[in-house]
Structures are given as structure tokens and as C-alpha cells.
């Protein structure tokens, strides 16, 4: 085998191994990838039932209802669309109506989002970047909060 052919075989083998490793990593991460949607995007894209997602927006005023000891039902809104959310567990201390929230879970057949984790903003000016971007996209962003998300 000539020197040129050996080099070509070596480079081809290295690329094949790299592609195989990348494919294995992507397959392993497939179940851990979670997409973020705002309420308006969720209404437009209609993800698969049971697919893990994150939704974010503001907790709609007057929508918080306690059902039992640890179960709550509330609506997440971007002022144009809203998504009904149920959550069983302890809510963050800063969770309240009118505040930014990110919920992670699955969308049920009844179009109710079943959250298994809730994240609330942690100080007076912070809002998760995904929520801020979704609110800006909808034209609902409040000035003054812009510098806090950077």
C-alpha cells in the first residue's frame, strides 16, 4: 500500500469513528432533550402527546386553584394564549400569580400540561431568558426587566 492510500485509510477510519461516537451521543441524549415553548408557540406547533417540554410565561391572575393538599392548577399566559397547568408537589416560595414561571413536564390528551417541576423567578428583576424572549416575541415585554435578563 502506498503512503497516500495509507493516509486516506487512516483519515477515513478516524472520520468513521468520530461519526459513530457522535451518533451514540445523540441517541443517548435523545430522551433528555427538552424543548421550550411559550403558550402561543404551543398552540401553533401542537407537540406530540407525552413529549417532554418546558413552557414559560406569566402565571395568569386569578387562575391559581388548589386541589387537595399538594396539587395546584393554574394557567400560564403570554397575554395572547394560555395553557392550563397541573402540578403536584411543593411550589417554590416565590411562585405567585403575575410572576414569571417555567414548568417542565408533558402535555396530556386533554391539552392540560402536567408539570413535574416548577421554576419561579428568584428575585425582583430576574426572569428566565426563554420566558423573556417569548414575551418579547409576543410584544408583551415590560421595559426595565430587559437589563435584568442579560
N, C-alpha and C. Protein backbone atom coordinates (compact mmCIF):
# COMPACT_ATOMS: atom_id res chain seq x y z
N UNK A 1 0.84 -1.17 0.00
CA UNK A 1 0.00 0.00 0.00
C UNK A 1 0.90 1.25 0.00
N UNK A 2 0.53 2.19 -0.82
CA UNK A 2 1.34 3.40 -0.90
C UNK A 2 1.06 4.32 0.28
N UNK A 3 1.93 5.26 0.44
CA UNK A 3 1.81 6.20 1.56
C UNK A 3 0.52 7.01 1.47
N UNK A 4 0.15 7.41 0.27
CA UNK A 4 -1.06 8.19 0.05
C UNK A 4 -2.32 7.39 0.42
N UNK A 5 -2.36 6.11 0.05
CA UNK A 5 -3.51 5.25 0.36
C UNK A 5 -3.62 5.01 1.86
N UNK A 6 -2.47 4.82 2.53
CA UNK A 6 -2.49 4.62 3.99
C UNK A 6 -3.06 5.84 4.70
N UNK A 7 -2.63 7.02 4.25
CA UNK A 7 -3.13 8.25 4.84
C UNK A 7 -4.64 8.38 4.63
N UNK A 8 -5.12 8.05 3.45
CA UNK A 8 -6.55 8.11 3.14
C UNK A 8 -7.35 7.13 4.01
N UNK A 9 -6.84 5.92 4.19
CA UNK A 9 -7.50 4.92 5.04
C UNK A 9 -7.53 5.40 6.49
N UNK A 10 -6.44 5.98 6.96
CA UNK A 10 -6.38 6.48 8.33
C UNK A 10 -7.38 7.61 8.56
N UNK A 11 -7.44 8.55 7.65
CA UNK A 11 -8.39 9.67 7.78
C UNK A 11 -9.81 9.16 7.68
N UNK A 12 -10.09 8.25 6.76
CA UNK A 12 -11.44 7.69 6.62
C UNK A 12 -11.86 6.93 7.89
N UNK A 13 -10.95 6.18 8.45
CA UNK A 13 -11.24 5.44 9.69
C UNK A 13 -11.51 6.38 10.85
N UNK A 14 -10.72 7.44 10.96
CA UNK A 14 -10.92 8.41 12.02
C UNK A 14 -12.28 9.10 11.89
N UNK A 15 -12.67 9.48 10.68
CA UNK A 15 -13.97 10.10 10.46
C UNK A 15 -15.11 9.13 10.78
N UNK A 16 -14.96 7.87 10.43
CA UNK A 16 -16.00 6.87 10.72
C UNK A 16 -16.17 6.71 12.23
N UNK A 17 -15.06 6.64 12.95
CA UNK A 17 -15.13 6.51 14.41
C UNK A 17 -15.76 7.75 15.03
N UNK A 18 -15.41 8.93 14.53
CA UNK A 18 -15.99 10.18 15.04
C UNK A 18 -17.49 10.24 14.79
N UNK A 19 -17.92 9.84 13.60
CA UNK A 19 -19.36 9.82 13.28
C UNK A 19 -20.10 8.81 14.16
N UNK A 20 -19.51 7.66 14.40
CA UNK A 20 -20.13 6.66 15.26
C UNK A 20 -20.27 7.18 16.69
N UNK A 21 -19.23 7.83 17.19
CA UNK A 21 -19.28 8.38 18.54
C UNK A 21 -20.35 9.47 18.64
N UNK A 22 -20.43 10.36 17.66
CA UNK A 22 -21.44 11.41 17.64
C UNK A 22 -22.84 10.80 17.60
N UNK A 23 -23.03 9.78 16.78
CA UNK A 23 -24.33 9.11 16.72
C UNK A 23 -24.72 8.49 18.05
N UNK A 24 -23.79 7.85 18.73
CA UNK A 24 -24.09 7.26 20.04
C UNK A 24 -24.45 8.32 21.07
N UNK A 25 -23.76 9.45 21.05
CA UNK A 25 -24.07 10.55 21.98
C UNK A 25 -25.47 11.09 21.71
N UNK A 26 -25.81 11.30 20.45
CA UNK A 26 -27.14 11.82 20.12
C UNK A 26 -28.25 10.85 20.51
N UNK A 27 -28.03 9.57 20.32
CA UNK A 27 -29.03 8.57 20.72
C UNK A 27 -29.19 8.57 22.24
N UNK A 28 -28.10 8.70 22.97
CA UNK A 28 -28.16 8.71 24.44
C UNK A 28 -28.87 9.96 24.96
N UNK A 29 -28.71 11.07 24.27
CA UNK A 29 -29.32 12.33 24.73
C UNK A 29 -30.74 12.54 24.21
N UNK A 30 -31.19 11.70 23.31
CA UNK A 30 -32.50 11.89 22.68
C UNK A 30 -33.62 12.05 23.70
N UNK A 31 -33.61 11.26 24.76
CA UNK A 31 -34.68 11.33 25.75
C UNK A 31 -34.51 12.49 26.72
N UNK A 32 -33.34 13.10 26.75
CA UNK A 32 -33.09 14.18 27.69
C UNK A 32 -33.26 15.56 27.08
N UNK A 33 -33.48 15.64 25.79
CA UNK A 33 -33.66 16.94 25.14
C UNK A 33 -35.08 17.42 25.42
N UNK A 34 -35.18 18.64 25.95
CA UNK A 34 -36.48 19.22 26.30
C UNK A 34 -36.63 20.53 25.54
N UNK A 35 -37.72 20.67 24.78
CA UNK A 35 -37.97 21.87 24.01
C UNK A 35 -38.72 22.89 24.85
N UNK A 36 -38.46 24.19 24.62
CA UNK A 36 -39.13 25.26 25.34
C UNK A 36 -40.15 25.92 24.42
N UNK A 37 -41.36 26.13 24.95
CA UNK A 37 -42.42 26.78 24.21
C UNK A 37 -43.09 27.84 25.08
N UNK A 38 -43.52 28.91 24.46
CA UNK A 38 -44.43 29.84 25.09
C UNK A 38 -45.84 29.37 24.78
N UNK A 39 -46.85 29.88 25.47
CA UNK A 39 -48.22 29.44 25.20
C UNK A 39 -48.67 29.60 23.75
N UNK A 40 -48.30 30.71 23.10
CA UNK A 40 -48.69 30.90 21.69
C UNK A 40 -48.00 29.90 20.78
N UNK A 41 -46.72 29.63 21.03
CA UNK A 41 -46.00 28.65 20.22
C UNK A 41 -46.56 27.25 20.44
N UNK A 42 -46.94 26.95 21.66
CA UNK A 42 -47.50 25.64 21.96
C UNK A 42 -48.81 25.43 21.20
N UNK A 43 -49.63 26.48 21.11
CA UNK A 43 -50.89 26.38 20.38
C UNK A 43 -50.65 26.19 18.88
N UNK A 44 -49.60 26.80 18.35
CA UNK A 44 -49.32 26.70 16.91
C UNK A 44 -48.68 25.38 16.53
N UNK A 45 -47.71 24.92 17.33
CA UNK A 45 -46.92 23.76 16.94
C UNK A 45 -47.53 22.43 17.36
N UNK A 46 -48.35 22.39 18.37
CA UNK A 46 -49.01 21.18 18.84
C UNK A 46 -48.06 19.99 18.90
N UNK A 47 -47.18 19.94 19.92
CA UNK A 47 -46.25 18.81 20.04
C UNK A 47 -46.97 17.51 20.33
N UNK A 48 -46.24 16.41 20.20
CA UNK A 48 -46.81 15.09 20.43
C UNK A 48 -47.23 14.92 21.88
N UNK A 49 -48.29 14.19 22.08
CA UNK A 49 -48.75 13.87 23.43
C UNK A 49 -47.68 13.04 24.14
N UNK A 50 -47.35 13.42 25.35
CA UNK A 50 -46.36 12.70 26.13
C UNK A 50 -44.93 13.17 25.91
N UNK A 51 -44.72 14.09 24.94
CA UNK A 51 -43.37 14.62 24.70
C UNK A 51 -42.99 15.57 25.84
N UNK A 52 -41.77 15.45 26.34
CA UNK A 52 -41.30 16.34 27.42
C UNK A 52 -41.02 17.72 26.86
N UNK A 53 -41.56 18.72 27.54
CA UNK A 53 -41.36 20.10 27.14
C UNK A 53 -41.24 21.01 28.34
N UNK A 54 -40.84 22.22 28.05
CA UNK A 54 -40.88 23.30 29.04
C UNK A 54 -41.78 24.37 28.47
N UNK A 55 -42.66 24.89 29.31
CA UNK A 55 -43.46 26.03 28.90
C UNK A 55 -43.14 27.17 29.86
N UNK A 56 -43.23 28.36 29.36
CA UNK A 56 -42.93 29.50 30.21
C UNK A 56 -43.79 30.69 29.87
N UNK A 57 -43.97 31.53 30.84
CA UNK A 57 -44.76 32.74 30.68
C UNK A 57 -45.06 33.29 32.05
N UNK A 58 -46.19 33.95 32.16
CA UNK A 58 -46.62 34.53 33.42
C UNK A 58 -47.79 33.71 33.97
N UNK A 59 -47.84 33.56 35.30
CA UNK A 59 -48.97 32.88 35.92
C UNK A 59 -50.15 33.85 35.84
N UNK A 60 -51.22 33.44 35.20
CA UNK A 60 -52.38 34.29 34.97
C UNK A 60 -53.04 34.67 36.29
N UNK A 61 -53.37 35.94 36.42
CA UNK A 61 -54.05 36.43 37.63
C UNK A 61 -55.40 35.73 37.79
N UNK A 62 -55.69 35.27 38.99
CA UNK A 62 -56.96 34.63 39.30
C UNK A 62 -57.09 33.19 38.85
N UNK A 63 -56.01 32.60 38.34
CA UNK A 63 -56.11 31.24 37.81
C UNK A 63 -55.63 30.16 38.79
N UNK A 64 -55.00 30.54 39.87
CA UNK A 64 -54.42 29.57 40.81
C UNK A 64 -55.52 28.95 41.67
N UNK A 65 -55.66 27.62 41.54
CA UNK A 65 -56.66 26.86 42.30
C UNK A 65 -55.96 25.70 42.98
N UNK A 66 -56.14 25.55 44.26
CA UNK A 66 -55.55 24.43 45.00
C UNK A 66 -56.55 23.27 44.99
N UNK A 67 -56.07 22.11 44.56
CA UNK A 67 -56.90 20.91 44.51
C UNK A 67 -56.27 19.88 45.42
N UNK A 68 -56.71 19.80 46.63
CA UNK A 68 -56.11 18.86 47.56
C UNK A 68 -54.93 19.48 48.27
N UNK A 69 -54.16 18.61 48.91
CA UNK A 69 -53.08 19.10 49.76
C UNK A 69 -51.88 19.65 48.97
N UNK A 70 -51.42 18.93 47.97
CA UNK A 70 -50.23 19.34 47.23
C UNK A 70 -50.46 19.57 45.75
N UNK A 71 -51.69 19.56 45.28
CA UNK A 71 -51.97 19.71 43.86
C UNK A 71 -52.53 21.10 43.58
N UNK A 72 -51.98 21.74 42.55
CA UNK A 72 -52.47 23.05 42.14
C UNK A 72 -52.76 23.03 40.66
N UNK A 73 -53.64 23.90 40.25
CA UNK A 73 -53.99 24.10 38.84
C UNK A 73 -53.91 25.60 38.58
N UNK A 74 -53.25 25.98 37.50
CA UNK A 74 -53.12 27.39 37.16
C UNK A 74 -52.92 27.51 35.66
N UNK A 75 -52.97 28.73 35.16
CA UNK A 75 -52.77 28.98 33.73
C UNK A 75 -51.49 29.78 33.54
N UNK A 76 -50.72 29.39 32.53
CA UNK A 76 -49.52 30.14 32.12
C UNK A 76 -49.92 30.89 30.85
N UNK A 77 -49.63 32.19 30.82
CA UNK A 77 -50.06 33.02 29.70
C UNK A 77 -48.94 33.91 29.19
N UNK A 78 -49.06 34.28 27.93
CA UNK A 78 -48.21 35.32 27.36
C UNK A 78 -49.09 36.49 26.93
N UNK A 79 -50.27 36.58 27.49
CA UNK A 79 -51.35 37.56 27.27
C UNK A 79 -52.09 37.35 25.95
N UNK A 80 -51.61 36.47 25.08
CA UNK A 80 -52.34 36.16 23.85
C UNK A 80 -52.96 34.77 23.92
N UNK A 81 -52.24 33.82 24.45
CA UNK A 81 -52.71 32.45 24.63
C UNK A 81 -52.43 32.04 26.07
N UNK A 82 -53.09 31.00 26.49
CA UNK A 82 -52.79 30.46 27.82
C UNK A 82 -52.84 28.94 27.78
N UNK A 83 -52.12 28.34 28.72
CA UNK A 83 -52.06 26.89 28.83
C UNK A 83 -52.41 26.53 30.26
N UNK A 84 -53.35 25.61 30.43
CA UNK A 84 -53.73 25.10 31.74
C UNK A 84 -52.64 24.15 32.23
N UNK A 85 -52.21 24.31 33.48
CA UNK A 85 -51.13 23.51 34.05
C UNK A 85 -51.60 22.89 35.36
N UNK A 86 -51.29 21.61 35.56
CA UNK A 86 -51.49 20.98 36.87
C UNK A 86 -50.13 20.55 37.39
N UNK A 87 -49.98 20.65 38.71
CA UNK A 87 -48.71 20.30 39.33
C UNK A 87 -48.99 19.72 40.71
N UNK A 88 -48.36 18.61 41.02
CA UNK A 88 -48.45 18.01 42.34
C UNK A 88 -47.07 18.04 42.97
N UNK A 89 -46.98 18.71 44.09
CA UNK A 89 -45.71 18.85 44.78
C UNK A 89 -45.64 20.19 45.48
N UNK A 90 -44.49 20.49 46.03
CA UNK A 90 -44.30 21.75 46.72
C UNK A 90 -43.91 22.82 45.71
N UNK A 91 -44.60 23.94 45.76
CA UNK A 91 -44.29 25.05 44.87
C UNK A 91 -43.13 25.86 45.43
N UNK A 92 -42.36 26.50 44.57
CA UNK A 92 -41.31 27.39 45.06
C UNK A 92 -41.91 28.52 45.90
N UNK A 93 -41.15 29.03 46.85
CA UNK A 93 -41.65 30.09 47.72
C UNK A 93 -42.07 31.33 46.95
N UNK A 94 -41.40 31.64 45.87
CA UNK A 94 -41.68 32.86 45.12
C UNK A 94 -42.74 32.68 44.04
N UNK A 95 -43.37 31.53 43.98
CA UNK A 95 -44.41 31.26 42.99
C UNK A 95 -45.67 32.02 43.39
N UNK A 96 -46.20 32.83 42.48
CA UNK A 96 -47.46 33.53 42.71
C UNK A 96 -48.00 34.05 41.38
N UNK A 97 -49.23 34.48 41.40
CA UNK A 97 -49.88 34.98 40.20
C UNK A 97 -49.21 36.26 39.72
N UNK A 98 -49.11 36.39 38.41
CA UNK A 98 -48.50 37.57 37.81
C UNK A 98 -46.99 37.50 37.70
N UNK A 99 -46.36 36.43 38.15
CA UNK A 99 -44.91 36.29 38.12
C UNK A 99 -44.50 35.33 37.00
N UNK A 100 -43.24 35.43 36.59
CA UNK A 100 -42.70 34.55 35.57
C UNK A 100 -42.52 33.15 36.11
N UNK A 101 -42.77 32.16 35.26
CA UNK A 101 -42.66 30.76 35.67
C UNK A 101 -42.24 29.92 34.47
N UNK A 102 -41.50 28.86 34.76
CA UNK A 102 -41.18 27.84 33.76
C UNK A 102 -41.60 26.51 34.34
N UNK A 103 -42.42 25.77 33.59
CA UNK A 103 -42.90 24.46 34.04
C UNK A 103 -42.37 23.40 33.07
N UNK A 104 -41.88 22.30 33.63
CA UNK A 104 -41.37 21.21 32.80
C UNK A 104 -42.25 19.99 33.04
N UNK A 105 -42.65 19.33 31.95
CA UNK A 105 -43.50 18.15 32.07
C UNK A 105 -43.97 17.70 30.71
N UNK A 106 -45.21 17.18 30.65
CA UNK A 106 -45.76 16.66 29.40
C UNK A 106 -47.16 17.23 29.16
N UNK A 107 -47.52 17.31 27.91
CA UNK A 107 -48.85 17.76 27.53
C UNK A 107 -49.76 16.55 27.41
N UNK A 108 -50.88 16.57 28.12
CA UNK A 108 -51.80 15.43 28.11
C UNK A 108 -52.75 15.47 26.94
N UNK A 109 -53.53 14.41 26.81
CA UNK A 109 -54.51 14.30 25.74
C UNK A 109 -55.57 15.39 25.84
N UNK A 110 -55.87 15.81 27.08
CA UNK A 110 -56.87 16.82 27.33
C UNK A 110 -56.35 18.25 27.15
N UNK A 111 -55.14 18.40 26.59
CA UNK A 111 -54.46 19.67 26.36
C UNK A 111 -54.12 20.40 27.66
N UNK A 112 -54.09 19.67 28.76
CA UNK A 112 -53.63 20.20 30.05
C UNK A 112 -52.18 19.79 30.21
N UNK A 113 -51.35 20.73 30.60
CA UNK A 113 -49.93 20.46 30.79
C UNK A 113 -49.72 19.90 32.19
N UNK A 114 -49.16 18.70 32.29
CA UNK A 114 -48.92 18.04 33.58
C UNK A 114 -47.45 18.25 33.95
N UNK A 115 -47.21 19.21 34.83
CA UNK A 115 -45.84 19.58 35.18
C UNK A 115 -45.30 18.67 36.27
N UNK A 116 -44.00 18.35 36.18
CA UNK A 116 -43.36 17.62 37.27
C UNK A 116 -42.29 18.47 37.95
N UNK A 117 -42.03 19.66 37.41
CA UNK A 117 -41.18 20.63 38.11
C UNK A 117 -41.60 22.04 37.72
N UNK A 118 -41.51 22.94 38.69
CA UNK A 118 -41.89 24.33 38.51
C UNK A 118 -40.71 25.19 38.94
N UNK A 119 -40.33 26.14 38.09
CA UNK A 119 -39.27 27.09 38.42
C UNK A 119 -39.87 28.49 38.43
N UNK A 120 -39.64 29.23 39.52
CA UNK A 120 -40.12 30.60 39.63
C UNK A 120 -38.93 31.54 39.64
N UNK A 121 -39.18 32.79 39.29
CA UNK A 121 -38.07 33.73 39.32
C UNK A 121 -37.57 33.90 40.74
N UNK A 122 -36.27 34.17 40.90
CA UNK A 122 -35.70 34.13 42.24
C UNK A 122 -35.42 35.48 42.86
N UNK A 123 -35.58 36.58 42.14
CA UNK A 123 -35.51 37.88 42.78
C UNK A 123 -36.43 38.84 42.06
N UNK A 124 -36.41 40.08 42.42
CA UNK A 124 -37.37 41.04 41.93
C UNK A 124 -37.25 41.32 40.43
N UNK A 125 -36.03 41.19 39.87
CA UNK A 125 -35.85 41.59 38.48
C UNK A 125 -35.54 40.44 37.54
N UNK A 126 -35.29 39.25 38.02
CA UNK A 126 -34.86 38.15 37.16
C UNK A 126 -36.03 37.48 36.48
N UNK A 127 -35.83 37.08 35.23
CA UNK A 127 -36.79 36.24 34.52
C UNK A 127 -35.97 35.33 33.62
N UNK A 128 -36.30 34.04 33.54
CA UNK A 128 -35.53 33.14 32.68
C UNK A 128 -35.47 33.68 31.25
N UNK A 129 -34.32 33.52 30.62
CA UNK A 129 -34.11 34.08 29.29
C UNK A 129 -35.15 33.59 28.29
N UNK A 130 -35.54 32.31 28.38
CA UNK A 130 -36.52 31.78 27.45
C UNK A 130 -37.87 32.48 27.59
N UNK A 131 -38.27 32.76 28.85
CA UNK A 131 -39.54 33.45 29.10
C UNK A 131 -39.46 34.88 28.59
N UNK A 132 -38.35 35.57 28.89
CA UNK A 132 -38.18 36.95 28.43
C UNK A 132 -38.21 37.01 26.90
N UNK A 133 -37.53 36.09 26.23
CA UNK A 133 -37.52 36.08 24.77
C UNK A 133 -38.91 35.82 24.21
N UNK A 134 -39.65 34.90 24.83
CA UNK A 134 -41.01 34.60 24.36
C UNK A 134 -41.92 35.82 24.55
N UNK A 135 -41.77 36.52 25.69
CA UNK A 135 -42.59 37.71 25.93
C UNK A 135 -42.22 38.84 24.98
N UNK A 136 -40.94 38.99 24.67
CA UNK A 136 -40.51 40.00 23.70
C UNK A 136 -41.09 39.69 22.32
N UNK A 137 -41.08 38.41 21.96
CA UNK A 137 -41.60 37.99 20.66
C UNK A 137 -43.08 38.31 20.53
N UNK A 138 -43.81 38.21 21.67
CA UNK A 138 -45.24 38.49 21.66
C UNK A 138 -45.54 39.99 21.83
N UNK A 139 -44.50 40.79 22.08
CA UNK A 139 -44.70 42.23 22.26
C UNK A 139 -45.22 42.60 23.63
N UNK A 140 -45.03 41.73 24.63
CA UNK A 140 -45.57 41.95 25.97
C UNK A 140 -44.48 42.37 26.94
N UNK A 141 -43.24 42.41 26.52
CA UNK A 141 -42.10 42.65 27.41
C UNK A 141 -42.23 44.02 28.08
N UNK A 142 -42.00 44.04 29.41
CA UNK A 142 -42.04 45.30 30.18
C UNK A 142 -40.63 45.87 30.20
N UNK A 143 -40.50 47.16 29.89
CA UNK A 143 -39.19 47.82 29.97
C UNK A 143 -38.71 47.81 31.41
N UNK A 144 -37.43 47.81 31.60
CA UNK A 144 -36.88 47.77 32.96
C UNK A 144 -36.47 46.36 33.31
N UNK A 145 -37.16 45.37 32.82
CA UNK A 145 -36.79 43.97 33.07
C UNK A 145 -35.77 43.54 32.01
N UNK A 146 -35.62 44.34 30.96
CA UNK A 146 -34.72 43.99 29.85
C UNK A 146 -33.28 43.82 30.31
N UNK A 147 -32.77 44.72 31.12
CA UNK A 147 -31.38 44.64 31.55
C UNK A 147 -31.16 43.50 32.53
N UNK A 148 -32.20 43.07 33.23
CA UNK A 148 -32.05 42.04 34.26
C UNK A 148 -31.84 40.66 33.67
N UNK A 149 -32.32 40.42 32.44
CA UNK A 149 -32.20 39.07 31.89
C UNK A 149 -30.88 38.87 31.16
N UNK A 150 -30.06 39.88 31.05
CA UNK A 150 -28.78 39.75 30.35
C UNK A 150 -27.67 39.35 31.27
